[in-house]
Amino acid sequence: AGGQPRDVSALVPDFTPETIPTLRDVFKGVDLEGLPLAQTQG
């Protein structure tokens, strides 16, 4: 909600044609702020 990037690889390995149909169920009820920040610098 604050625009911070949260690493979700523990929930889904990648956003692919195979995983896309499952994403709404995967993230249902998930507290994003409880997930680690992604290392995006550089």
ModelCIF file with pLDDT and N, C-alpha, C, O atoms, coordinates in Angstrom:
data_MODEL
#
_entry.id   MODEL 
#
_entity.id                         1 
_entity.type                       polymer 
_entity.pdbx_number_of_molecules   1 
#
_entity_poly.entity_id                      1 
_entity_poly.type                           'polypeptide(L)' 
_entity_poly.nstd_linkage                   no 
_entity_poly.nstd_monomer                   no 
_entity_poly.pdbx_seq_one_letter_code       AGGQPRDVSALVPDFTPETIPTLRDVFKGVDLEGLPLAQTQG 
_entity_poly.pdbx_seq_one_letter_code_can   AGGQPRDVSALVPDFTPETIPTLRDVFKGVDLEGLPLAQTQG 
_entity_poly.pdbx_strand_id                 A 
#
loop_
_entity_poly_seq.entity_id 
_entity_poly_seq.num 
_entity_poly_seq.mon_id 
_entity_poly_seq.hetero 
1 1  ALA n 
1 2  GLY n 
1 3  GLY n 
1 4  GLN n 
1 5  PRO n 
1 6  ARG n 
1 7  ASP n 
1 8  VAL n 
1 9  SER n 
1 10 ALA n 
1 11 LEU n 
1 12 VAL n 
1 13 PRO n 
1 14 ASP n 
1 15 PHE n 
1 16 THR n 
1 17 PRO n 
1 18 GLU n 
1 19 THR n 
1 20 ILE n 
1 21 PRO n 
1 22 THR n 
1 23 LEU n 
1 24 ARG n 
1 25 ASP n 
1 26 VAL n 
1 27 PHE n 
1 28 LYS n 
1 29 GLY n 
1 30 VAL n 
1 31 ASP n 
1 32 LEU n 
1 33 GLU n 
1 34 GLY n 
1 35 LEU n 
1 36 PRO n 
1 37 LEU n 
1 38 ALA n 
1 39 GLN n 
1 40 THR n 
1 41 GLN n 
1 42 GLY n 
#
_struct_asym.id          A 
_struct_asym.entity_id   1 
#
loop_
_ma_qa_metric.id 
_ma_qa_metric.mode 
_ma_qa_metric.name 
_ma_qa_metric.software_group_id 
_ma_qa_metric.type 
1 global pLDDT . pLDDT 
2 local  pLDDT . pLDDT 
#
_ma_qa_metric_global.metric_id      1 
_ma_qa_metric_global.metric_value   96.05 
_ma_qa_metric_global.model_id       1 
_ma_qa_metric_global.ordinal_id     1 
#
loop_
_ma_qa_metric_local.label_asym_id 
_ma_qa_metric_local.label_comp_id 
_ma_qa_metric_local.label_seq_id 
_ma_qa_metric_local.metric_id 
_ma_qa_metric_local.metric_value 
_ma_qa_metric_local.model_id 
_ma_qa_metric_local.ordinal_id 
A ALA 1  2 94.00 1 1  
A GLY 2  2 95.00 1 2  
A GLY 3  2 96.00 1 3  
A GLN 4  2 97.00 1 4  
A PRO 5  2 98.00 1 5  
A ARG 6  2 98.00 1 6  
A ASP 7  2 98.00 1 7  
A VAL 8  2 98.00 1 8  
A SER 9  2 97.00 1 9  
A ALA 10 2 96.00 1 10 
A LEU 11 2 97.00 1 11 
A VAL 12 2 98.00 1 12 
A PRO 13 2 97.00 1 13 
A ASP 14 2 98.00 1 14 
A PHE 15 2 98.00 1 15 
A THR 16 2 98.00 1 16 
A PRO 17 2 97.00 1 17 
A GLU 18 2 97.00 1 18 
A THR 19 2 98.00 1 19 
A ILE 20 2 98.00 1 20 
A PRO 21 2 97.00 1 21 
A THR 22 2 96.00 1 22 
A LEU 23 2 96.00 1 23 
A ARG 24 2 92.00 1 24 
A ASP 25 2 94.00 1 25 
A VAL 26 2 96.00 1 26 
A PHE 27 2 96.00 1 27 
A LYS 28 2 93.00 1 28 
A GLY 29 2 93.00 1 29 
A VAL 30 2 95.00 1 30 
A ASP 31 2 95.00 1 31 
A LEU 32 2 96.00 1 32 
A GLU 33 2 94.00 1 33 
A GLY 34 2 95.00 1 34 
A LEU 35 2 97.00 1 35 
A PRO 36 2 97.00 1 36 
A LEU 37 2 97.00 1 37 
A ALA 38 2 97.00 1 38 
A GLN 39 2 94.00 1 39 
A THR 40 2 94.00 1 40 
A GLN 41 2 93.00 1 41 
A GLY 42 2 94.00 1 42 
#
loop_
_atom_site.group_PDB 
_atom_site.id 
_atom_site.type_symbol 
_atom_site.label_atom_id 
_atom_site.label_alt_id 
_atom_site.label_comp_id 
_atom_site.label_asym_id 
_atom_site.label_entity_id 
_atom_site.label_seq_id 
_atom_site.pdbx_PDB_ins_code 
_atom_site.Cartn_x 
_atom_site.Cartn_y 
_atom_site.Cartn_z 
_atom_site.occupancy 
_atom_site.B_iso_or_equiv 
_atom_site.pdbx_formal_charge 
_atom_site.auth_seq_id 
_atom_site.auth_comp_id 
_atom_site.auth_asym_id 
_atom_site.auth_atom_id 
_atom_site.pdbx_PDB_model_num 
ATOM 1   N N  . ALA A 1 1  ? 0.813  -1.213  0.000   1.00 94.00 ? 1  ALA A N  1 
ATOM 2   C CA . ALA A 1 1  ? 0.000  0.000   0.000   1.00 94.00 ? 1  ALA A CA 1 
ATOM 3   C C  . ALA A 1 1  ? 0.846  1.262   0.000   1.00 94.00 ? 1  ALA A C  1 
ATOM 4   O O  . ALA A 1 1  ? 0.397  2.310   -0.465  1.00 94.00 ? 1  ALA A O  1 
ATOM 5   N N  . GLY A 1 2  ? 2.054  1.174   0.512   1.00 95.00 ? 2  GLY A N  1 
ATOM 6   C CA . GLY A 1 2  ? 2.955  2.312   0.525   1.00 95.00 ? 2  GLY A CA 1 
ATOM 7   C C  . GLY A 1 2  ? 3.868  2.383   -0.678  1.00 95.00 ? 2  GLY A C  1 
ATOM 8   O O  . GLY A 1 2  ? 4.746  3.244   -0.741  1.00 95.00 ? 2  GLY A O  1 
ATOM 9   N N  . GLY A 1 3  ? 3.674  1.483   -1.643  1.00 96.00 ? 3  GLY A N  1 
ATOM 10  C CA . GLY A 1 3  ? 4.501  1.460   -2.837  1.00 96.00 ? 3  GLY A CA 1 
ATOM 11  C C  . GLY A 1 3  ? 5.827  0.754   -2.664  1.00 96.00 ? 3  GLY A C  1 
ATOM 12  O O  . GLY A 1 3  ? 6.688  0.844   -3.538  1.00 96.00 ? 3  GLY A O  1 
ATOM 13  N N  . GLN A 1 4  ? 6.015  0.046   -1.544  1.00 97.00 ? 4  GLN A N  1 
ATOM 14  C CA . GLN A 1 4  ? 7.254  -0.681  -1.306  1.00 97.00 ? 4  GLN A CA 1 
ATOM 15  C C  . GLN A 1 4  ? 7.220  -2.042  -2.003  1.00 97.00 ? 4  GLN A C  1 
ATOM 16  O O  . GLN A 1 4  ? 6.203  -2.735  -1.950  1.00 97.00 ? 4  GLN A O  1 
ATOM 17  N N  . PRO A 1 5  ? 8.321  -2.435  -2.657  1.00 98.00 ? 5  PRO A N  1 
ATOM 18  C CA . PRO A 1 5  ? 8.334  -3.719  -3.383  1.00 98.00 ? 5  PRO A CA 1 
ATOM 19  C C  . PRO A 1 5  ? 8.535  -4.901  -2.434  1.00 98.00 ? 5  PRO A C  1 
ATOM 20  O O  . PRO A 1 5  ? 9.549  -4.983  -1.741  1.00 98.00 ? 5  PRO A O  1 
ATOM 21  N N  . ARG A 1 6  ? 7.594  -5.786  -2.409  1.00 98.00 ? 6  ARG A N  1 
ATOM 22  C CA . ARG A 1 6  ? 7.656  -6.971  -1.543  1.00 98.00 ? 6  ARG A CA 1 
ATOM 23  C C  . ARG A 1 6  ? 7.979  -8.206  -2.382  1.00 98.00 ? 6  ARG A C  1 
ATOM 24  O O  . ARG A 1 6  ? 7.309  -8.494  -3.373  1.00 98.00 ? 6  ARG A O  1 
ATOM 25  N N  . ASP A 1 7  ? 9.007  -8.919  -1.970  1.00 98.00 ? 7  ASP A N  1 
ATOM 26  C CA . ASP A 1 7  ? 9.430  -10.144 -2.651  1.00 98.00 ? 7  ASP A CA 1 
ATOM 27  C C  . ASP A 1 7  ? 8.406  -11.236 -2.365  1.00 98.00 ? 7  ASP A C  1 
ATOM 28  O O  . ASP A 1 7  ? 8.221  -11.631 -1.214  1.00 98.00 ? 7  ASP A O  1 
ATOM 29  N N  . VAL A 1 8  ? 7.732  -11.730 -3.424  1.00 98.00 ? 8  VAL A N  1 
ATOM 30  C CA . VAL A 1 8  ? 6.687  -12.736 -3.239  1.00 98.00 ? 8  VAL A CA 1 
ATOM 31  C C  . VAL A 1 8  ? 7.111  -14.107 -3.765  1.00 98.00 ? 8  VAL A C  1 
ATOM 32  O O  . VAL A 1 8  ? 6.269  -14.980 -3.979  1.00 98.00 ? 8  VAL A O  1 
ATOM 33  N N  . SER A 1 9  ? 8.420  -14.294 -3.974  1.00 97.00 ? 9  SER A N  1 
ATOM 34  C CA . SER A 1 9  ? 8.890  -15.552 -4.559  1.00 97.00 ? 9  SER A CA 1 
ATOM 35  C C  . SER A 1 9  ? 8.631  -16.749 -3.660  1.00 97.00 ? 9  SER A C  1 
ATOM 36  O O  . SER A 1 9  ? 8.636  -17.883 -4.139  1.00 97.00 ? 9  SER A O  1 
ATOM 37  N N  . ALA A 1 10 ? 8.404  -16.529 -2.362  1.00 96.00 ? 10 ALA A N  1 
ATOM 38  C CA . ALA A 1 10 ? 8.049  -17.639 -1.476  1.00 96.00 ? 10 ALA A CA 1 
ATOM 39  C C  . ALA A 1 10 ? 6.624  -18.114 -1.723  1.00 96.00 ? 10 ALA A C  1 
ATOM 40  O O  . ALA A 1 10 ? 6.269  -19.235 -1.358  1.00 96.00 ? 10 ALA A O  1 
ATOM 41  N N  . LEU A 1 11 ? 5.808  -17.270 -2.341  1.00 97.00 ? 11 LEU A N  1 
ATOM 42  C CA . LEU A 1 11 ? 4.422  -17.624 -2.627  1.00 97.00 ? 11 LEU A CA 1 
ATOM 43  C C  . LEU A 1 11 ? 4.219  -18.095 -4.056  1.00 97.00 ? 11 LEU A C  1 
ATOM 44  O O  . LEU A 1 11 ? 3.417  -18.993 -4.313  1.00 97.00 ? 11 LEU A O  1 
ATOM 45  N N  . VAL A 1 12 ? 4.953  -17.483 -4.992  1.00 98.00 ? 12 VAL A N  1 
ATOM 46  C CA . VAL A 1 12 ? 4.839  -17.839 -6.404  1.00 98.00 ? 12 VAL A CA 1 
ATOM 47  C C  . VAL A 1 12 ? 6.218  -17.654 -7.036  1.00 98.00 ? 12 VAL A C  1 
ATOM 48  O O  . VAL A 1 12 ? 6.822  -16.597 -6.861  1.00 98.00 ? 12 VAL A O  1 
ATOM 49  N N  . PRO A 1 13 ? 6.734  -18.641 -7.763  1.00 97.00 ? 13 PRO A N  1 
ATOM 50  C CA . PRO A 1 13 ? 8.104  -18.539 -8.269  1.00 97.00 ? 13 PRO A CA 1 
ATOM 51  C C  . PRO A 1 13 ? 8.287  -17.432 -9.299  1.00 97.00 ? 13 PRO A C  1 
ATOM 52  O O  . PRO A 1 13 ? 9.371  -16.859 -9.406  1.00 97.00 ? 13 PRO A O  1 
ATOM 53  N N  . ASP A 1 14 ? 7.231  -17.126 -10.062 1.00 98.00 ? 14 ASP A N  1 
ATOM 54  C CA . ASP A 1 14 ? 7.300  -16.071 -11.066 1.00 98.00 ? 14 ASP A CA 1 
ATOM 55  C C  . ASP A 1 14 ? 5.885  -15.855 -11.593 1.00 98.00 ? 14 ASP A C  1 
ATOM 56  O O  . ASP A 1 14 ? 5.003  -16.691 -11.399 1.00 98.00 ? 14 ASP A O  1 
ATOM 57  N N  . PHE A 1 15 ? 5.685  -14.728 -12.260 1.00 98.00 ? 15 PHE A N  1 
ATOM 58  C CA . PHE A 1 15 ? 4.395  -14.449 -12.896 1.00 98.00 ? 15 PHE A CA 1 
ATOM 59  C C  . PHE A 1 15 ? 4.471  -14.954 -14.333 1.00 98.00 ? 15 PHE A C  1 
ATOM 60  O O  . PHE A 1 15 ? 4.969  -14.251 -15.212 1.00 98.00 ? 15 PHE A O  1 
ATOM 61  N N  . THR A 1 16 ? 3.988  -16.149 -14.572 1.00 98.00 ? 16 THR A N  1 
ATOM 62  C CA . THR A 1 16 ? 4.114  -16.837 -15.855 1.00 98.00 ? 16 THR A CA 1 
ATOM 63  C C  . THR A 1 16 ? 2.735  -17.222 -16.382 1.00 98.00 ? 16 THR A C  1 
ATOM 64  O O  . THR A 1 16 ? 1.751  -17.149 -15.646 1.00 98.00 ? 16 THR A O  1 
ATOM 65  N N  . PRO A 1 17 ? 2.651  -17.637 -17.660 1.00 97.00 ? 17 PRO A N  1 
ATOM 66  C CA . PRO A 1 17 ? 1.362  -18.118 -18.162 1.00 97.00 ? 17 PRO A CA 1 
ATOM 67  C C  . PRO A 1 17 ? 0.769  -19.251 -17.322 1.00 97.00 ? 17 PRO A C  1 
ATOM 68  O O  . PRO A 1 17 ? -0.449 -19.417 -17.257 1.00 97.00 ? 17 PRO A O  1 
ATOM 69  N N  . GLU A 1 18 ? 1.644  -20.025 -16.684 1.00 97.00 ? 18 GLU A N  1 
ATOM 70  C CA . GLU A 1 18 ? 1.156  -21.145 -15.860 1.00 97.00 ? 18 GLU A CA 1 
ATOM 71  C C  . GLU A 1 18 ? 0.643  -20.675 -14.505 1.00 97.00 ? 18 GLU A C  1 
ATOM 72  O O  . GLU A 1 18 ? -0.336 -21.222 -13.997 1.00 97.00 ? 18 GLU A O  1 
ATOM 73  N N  . THR A 1 19 ? 1.288  -19.667 -13.907 1.00 98.00 ? 19 THR A N  1 
ATOM 74  C CA . THR A 1 19 ? 0.892  -19.235 -12.556 1.00 98.00 ? 19 THR A CA 1 
ATOM 75  C C  . THR A 1 19 ? -0.140 -18.111 -12.563 1.00 98.00 ? 19 THR A C  1 
ATOM 76  O O  . THR A 1 19 ? -0.832 -17.907 -11.565 1.00 98.00 ? 19 THR A O  1 
ATOM 77  N N  . ILE A 1 20 ? -0.252 -17.386 -13.663 1.00 98.00 ? 20 ILE A N  1 
ATOM 78  C CA . ILE A 1 20 ? -1.163 -16.241 -13.705 1.00 98.00 ? 20 ILE A CA 1 
ATOM 79  C C  . ILE A 1 20 ? -2.597 -16.599 -13.292 1.00 98.00 ? 20 ILE A C  1 
ATOM 80  O O  . ILE A 1 20 ? -3.196 -15.838 -12.533 1.00 98.00 ? 20 ILE A O  1 
ATOM 81  N N  . PRO A 1 21 ? -3.181 -17.723 -13.754 1.00 97.00 ? 21 PRO A N  1 
ATOM 82  C CA . PRO A 1 21 ? -4.559 -18.015 -13.354 1.00 97.00 ? 21 PRO A CA 1 
ATOM 83  C C  . PRO A 1 21 ? -4.729 -18.256 -11.859 1.00 97.00 ? 21 PRO A C  1 
ATOM 84  O O  . PRO A 1 21 ? -5.852 -18.204 -11.356 1.00 97.00 ? 21 PRO A O  1 
ATOM 85  N N  . THR A 1 22 ? -3.643 -18.518 -11.138 1.00 96.00 ? 22 THR A N  1 
ATOM 86  C CA . THR A 1 22 ? -3.731 -18.834 -9.710  1.00 96.00 ? 22 THR A CA 1 
ATOM 87  C C  . THR A 1 22 ? -3.472 -17.625 -8.820  1.00 96.00 ? 22 THR A C  1 
ATOM 88  O O  . THR A 1 22 ? -3.635 -17.727 -7.605  1.00 96.00 ? 22 THR A O  1 
ATOM 89  N N  . LEU A 1 23 ? -3.073 -16.481 -9.380  1.00 96.00 ? 23 LEU A N  1 
ATOM 90  C CA . LEU A 1 23 ? -2.550 -15.391 -8.552  1.00 96.00 ? 23 LEU A CA 1 
ATOM 91  C C  . LEU A 1 23 ? -3.573 -14.849 -7.562  1.00 96.00 ? 23 LEU A C  1 
ATOM 92  O O  . LEU A 1 23 ? -3.227 -14.574 -6.413  1.00 96.00 ? 23 LEU A O  1 
ATOM 93  N N  . ARG A 1 24 ? -4.807 -14.693 -7.978  1.00 92.00 ? 24 ARG A N  1 
ATOM 94  C CA . ARG A 1 24 ? -5.800 -14.145 -7.052  1.00 92.00 ? 24 ARG A CA 1 
ATOM 95  C C  . ARG A 1 24 ? -5.966 -15.043 -5.827  1.00 92.00 ? 24 ARG A C  1 
ATOM 96  O O  . ARG A 1 24 ? -6.119 -14.540 -4.714  1.00 92.00 ? 24 ARG A O  1 
ATOM 97  N N  . ASP A 1 25 ? -5.937 -16.346 -6.013  1.00 94.00 ? 25 ASP A N  1 
ATOM 98  C CA . ASP A 1 25 ? -6.036 -17.262 -4.880  1.00 94.00 ? 25 ASP A CA 1 
ATOM 99  C C  . ASP A 1 25 ? -4.761 -17.234 -4.043  1.00 94.00 ? 25 ASP A C  1 
ATOM 100 O O  . ASP A 1 25 ? -4.821 -17.279 -2.814  1.00 94.00 ? 25 ASP A O  1 
ATOM 101 N N  . VAL A 1 26 ? -3.601 -17.161 -4.710  1.00 96.00 ? 26 VAL A N  1 
ATOM 102 C CA . VAL A 1 26 ? -2.325 -17.147 -3.996  1.00 96.00 ? 26 VAL A CA 1 
ATOM 103 C C  . VAL A 1 26 ? -2.249 -15.967 -3.031  1.00 96.00 ? 26 VAL A C  1 
ATOM 104 O O  . VAL A 1 26 ? -1.778 -16.118 -1.904  1.00 96.00 ? 26 VAL A O  1 
ATOM 105 N N  . PHE A 1 27 ? -2.710 -14.794 -3.467  1.00 96.00 ? 27 PHE A N  1 
ATOM 106 C CA . PHE A 1 27 ? -2.553 -13.585 -2.657  1.00 96.00 ? 27 PHE A CA 1 
ATOM 107 C C  . PHE A 1 27 ? -3.775 -13.247 -1.817  1.00 96.00 ? 27 PHE A C  1 
ATOM 108 O O  . PHE A 1 27 ? -3.782 -12.241 -1.108  1.00 96.00 ? 27 PHE A O  1 
ATOM 109 N N  . LYS A 1 28 ? -4.797 -14.069 -1.887  1.00 93.00 ? 28 LYS A N  1 
ATOM 110 C CA . LYS A 1 28 ? -6.006 -13.803 -1.107  1.00 93.00 ? 28 LYS A CA 1 
ATOM 111 C C  . LYS A 1 28 ? -5.679 -13.852 0.383   1.00 93.00 ? 28 LYS A C  1 
ATOM 112 O O  . LYS A 1 28 ? -5.207 -14.869 0.893   1.00 93.00 ? 28 LYS A O  1 
ATOM 113 N N  . GLY A 1 29 ? -5.932 -12.756 1.065   1.00 93.00 ? 29 GLY A N  1 
ATOM 114 C CA . GLY A 1 29 ? -5.709 -12.691 2.507   1.00 93.00 ? 29 GLY A CA 1 
ATOM 115 C C  . GLY A 1 29 ? -4.270 -12.504 2.935   1.00 93.00 ? 29 GLY A C  1 
ATOM 116 O O  . GLY A 1 29 ? -3.993 -12.494 4.135   1.00 93.00 ? 29 GLY A O  1 
ATOM 117 N N  . VAL A 1 30 ? -3.335 -12.352 1.996   1.00 95.00 ? 30 VAL A N  1 
ATOM 118 C CA . VAL A 1 30 ? -1.922 -12.207 2.337   1.00 95.00 ? 30 VAL A CA 1 
ATOM 119 C C  . VAL A 1 30 ? -1.642 -10.781 2.820   1.00 95.00 ? 30 VAL A C  1 
ATOM 120 O O  . VAL A 1 30 ? -2.090 -9.817  2.201   1.00 95.00 ? 30 VAL A O  1 
ATOM 121 N N  . ASP A 1 31 ? -0.906 -10.649 3.918   1.00 95.00 ? 31 ASP A N  1 
ATOM 122 C CA . ASP A 1 31 ? -0.457 -9.364  4.431   1.00 95.00 ? 31 ASP A CA 1 
ATOM 123 C C  . ASP A 1 31 ? 0.867  -9.029  3.750   1.00 95.00 ? 31 ASP A C  1 
ATOM 124 O O  . ASP A 1 31 ? 1.914  -9.548  4.136   1.00 95.00 ? 31 ASP A O  1 
ATOM 125 N N  . LEU A 1 32 ? 0.822  -8.164  2.739   1.00 96.00 ? 32 LEU A N  1 
ATOM 126 C CA . LEU A 1 32 ? 2.035  -7.867  1.985   1.00 96.00 ? 32 LEU A CA 1 
ATOM 127 C C  . LEU A 1 32 ? 3.114  -7.254  2.870   1.00 96.00 ? 32 LEU A C  1 
ATOM 128 O O  . LEU A 1 32 ? 4.300  -7.518  2.669   1.00 96.00 ? 32 LEU A O  1 
ATOM 129 N N  . GLU A 1 33 ? 2.715  -6.430  3.855   1.00 94.00 ? 33 GLU A N  1 
ATOM 130 C CA . GLU A 1 33 ? 3.705  -5.799  4.717   1.00 94.00 ? 33 GLU A CA 1 
ATOM 131 C C  . GLU A 1 33 ? 4.480  -6.814  5.550   1.00 94.00 ? 33 GLU A C  1 
ATOM 132 O O  . GLU A 1 33 ? 5.535  -6.498  6.099   1.00 94.00 ? 33 GLU A O  1 
ATOM 133 N N  . GLY A 1 34 ? 3.956  -8.027  5.641   1.00 95.00 ? 34 GLY A N  1 
ATOM 134 C CA . GLY A 1 34 ? 4.652  -9.080  6.373   1.00 95.00 ? 34 GLY A CA 1 
ATOM 135 C C  . GLY A 1 34 ? 5.685  -9.822  5.551   1.00 95.00 ? 34 GLY A C  1 
ATOM 136 O O  . GLY A 1 34 ? 6.407  -10.669 6.078   1.00 95.00 ? 34 GLY A O  1 
ATOM 137 N N  . LEU A 1 35 ? 5.764  -9.513  4.254   1.00 97.00 ? 35 LEU A N  1 
ATOM 138 C CA . LEU A 1 35 ? 6.724  -10.160 3.361   1.00 97.00 ? 35 LEU A CA 1 
ATOM 139 C C  . LEU A 1 35 ? 8.001  -9.326  3.282   1.00 97.00 ? 35 LEU A C  1 
ATOM 140 O O  . LEU A 1 35 ? 7.961  -8.121  3.531   1.00 97.00 ? 35 LEU A O  1 
ATOM 141 N N  . PRO A 1 36 ? 9.136  -9.947  2.939   1.00 97.00 ? 36 PRO A N  1 
ATOM 142 C CA . PRO A 1 36 ? 10.397 -9.196  2.894   1.00 97.00 ? 36 PRO A CA 1 
ATOM 143 C C  . PRO A 1 36 ? 10.413 -8.189  1.759   1.00 97.00 ? 36 PRO A C  1 
ATOM 144 O O  . PRO A 1 36 ? 9.801  -8.393  0.710   1.00 97.00 ? 36 PRO A O  1 
ATOM 145 N N  . LEU A 1 37 ? 11.127 -7.095  1.995   1.00 97.00 ? 37 LEU A N  1 
ATOM 146 C CA . LEU A 1 37 ? 11.342 -6.132  0.920   1.00 97.00 ? 37 LEU A CA 1 
ATOM 147 C C  . LEU A 1 37 ? 12.248 -6.739  -0.137  1.00 97.00 ? 37 LEU A C  1 
ATOM 148 O O  . LEU A 1 37 ? 13.225 -7.413  0.189   1.00 97.00 ? 37 LEU A O  1 
ATOM 149 N N  . ALA A 1 38 ? 11.930 -6.503  -1.389  1.00 97.00 ? 38 ALA A N  1 
ATOM 150 C CA . ALA A 1 38 ? 12.768 -7.002  -2.482  1.00 97.00 ? 38 ALA A CA 1 
ATOM 151 C C  . ALA A 1 38 ? 14.020 -6.137  -2.602  1.00 97.00 ? 38 ALA A C  1 
ATOM 152 O O  . ALA A 1 38 ? 13.975 -4.929  -2.371  1.00 97.00 ? 38 ALA A O  1 
ATOM 153 N N  . GLN A 1 39 ? 15.119 -6.759  -2.962  1.00 94.00 ? 39 GLN A N  1 
ATOM 154 C CA . GLN A 1 39 ? 16.373 -6.042  -3.192  1.00 94.00 ? 39 GLN A CA 1 
ATOM 155 C C  . GLN A 1 39 ? 16.395 -5.568  -4.640  1.00 94.00 ? 39 GLN A C  1 
ATOM 156 O O  . GLN A 1 39 ? 16.773 -6.313  -5.544  1.00 94.00 ? 39 GLN A O  1 
ATOM 157 N N  . THR A 1 40 ? 15.987 -4.329  -4.846  1.00 94.00 ? 40 THR A N  1 
ATOM 158 C CA . THR A 1 40 ? 15.833 -3.811  -6.205  1.00 94.00 ? 40 THR A CA 1 
ATOM 159 C C  . THR A 1 40 ? 16.896 -2.784  -6.588  1.00 94.00 ? 40 THR A C  1 
ATOM 160 O O  . THR A 1 40 ? 16.998 -2.404  -7.755  1.00 94.00 ? 40 THR A O  1 
ATOM 161 N N  . GLN A 1 41 ? 17.680 -2.336  -5.624  1.00 93.00 ? 41 GLN A N  1 
ATOM 162 C CA . GLN A 1 41 ? 18.677 -1.305  -5.920  1.00 93.00 ? 41 GLN A CA 1 
ATOM 163 C C  . GLN A 1 41 ? 19.648 -1.786  -6.987  1.00 93.00 ? 41 GLN A C  1 
ATOM 164 O O  . GLN A 1 41 ? 20.282 -2.830  -6.832  1.00 93.00 ? 41 GLN A O  1 
ATOM 165 N N  . GLY A 1 42 ? 19.763 -1.021  -8.074  1.00 94.00 ? 42 GLY A N  1 
ATOM 166 C CA . GLY A 1 42 ? 20.687 -1.368  -9.142  1.00 94.00 ? 42 GLY A CA 1 
ATOM 167 C C  . GLY A 1 42 ? 20.236 -2.523  -10.017 1.00 94.00 ? 42 GLY A C  1 
ATOM 168 O O  . GLY A 1 42 ? 20.942 -2.901  -10.952 1.00 94.00 ? 42 GLY A O  1 
#
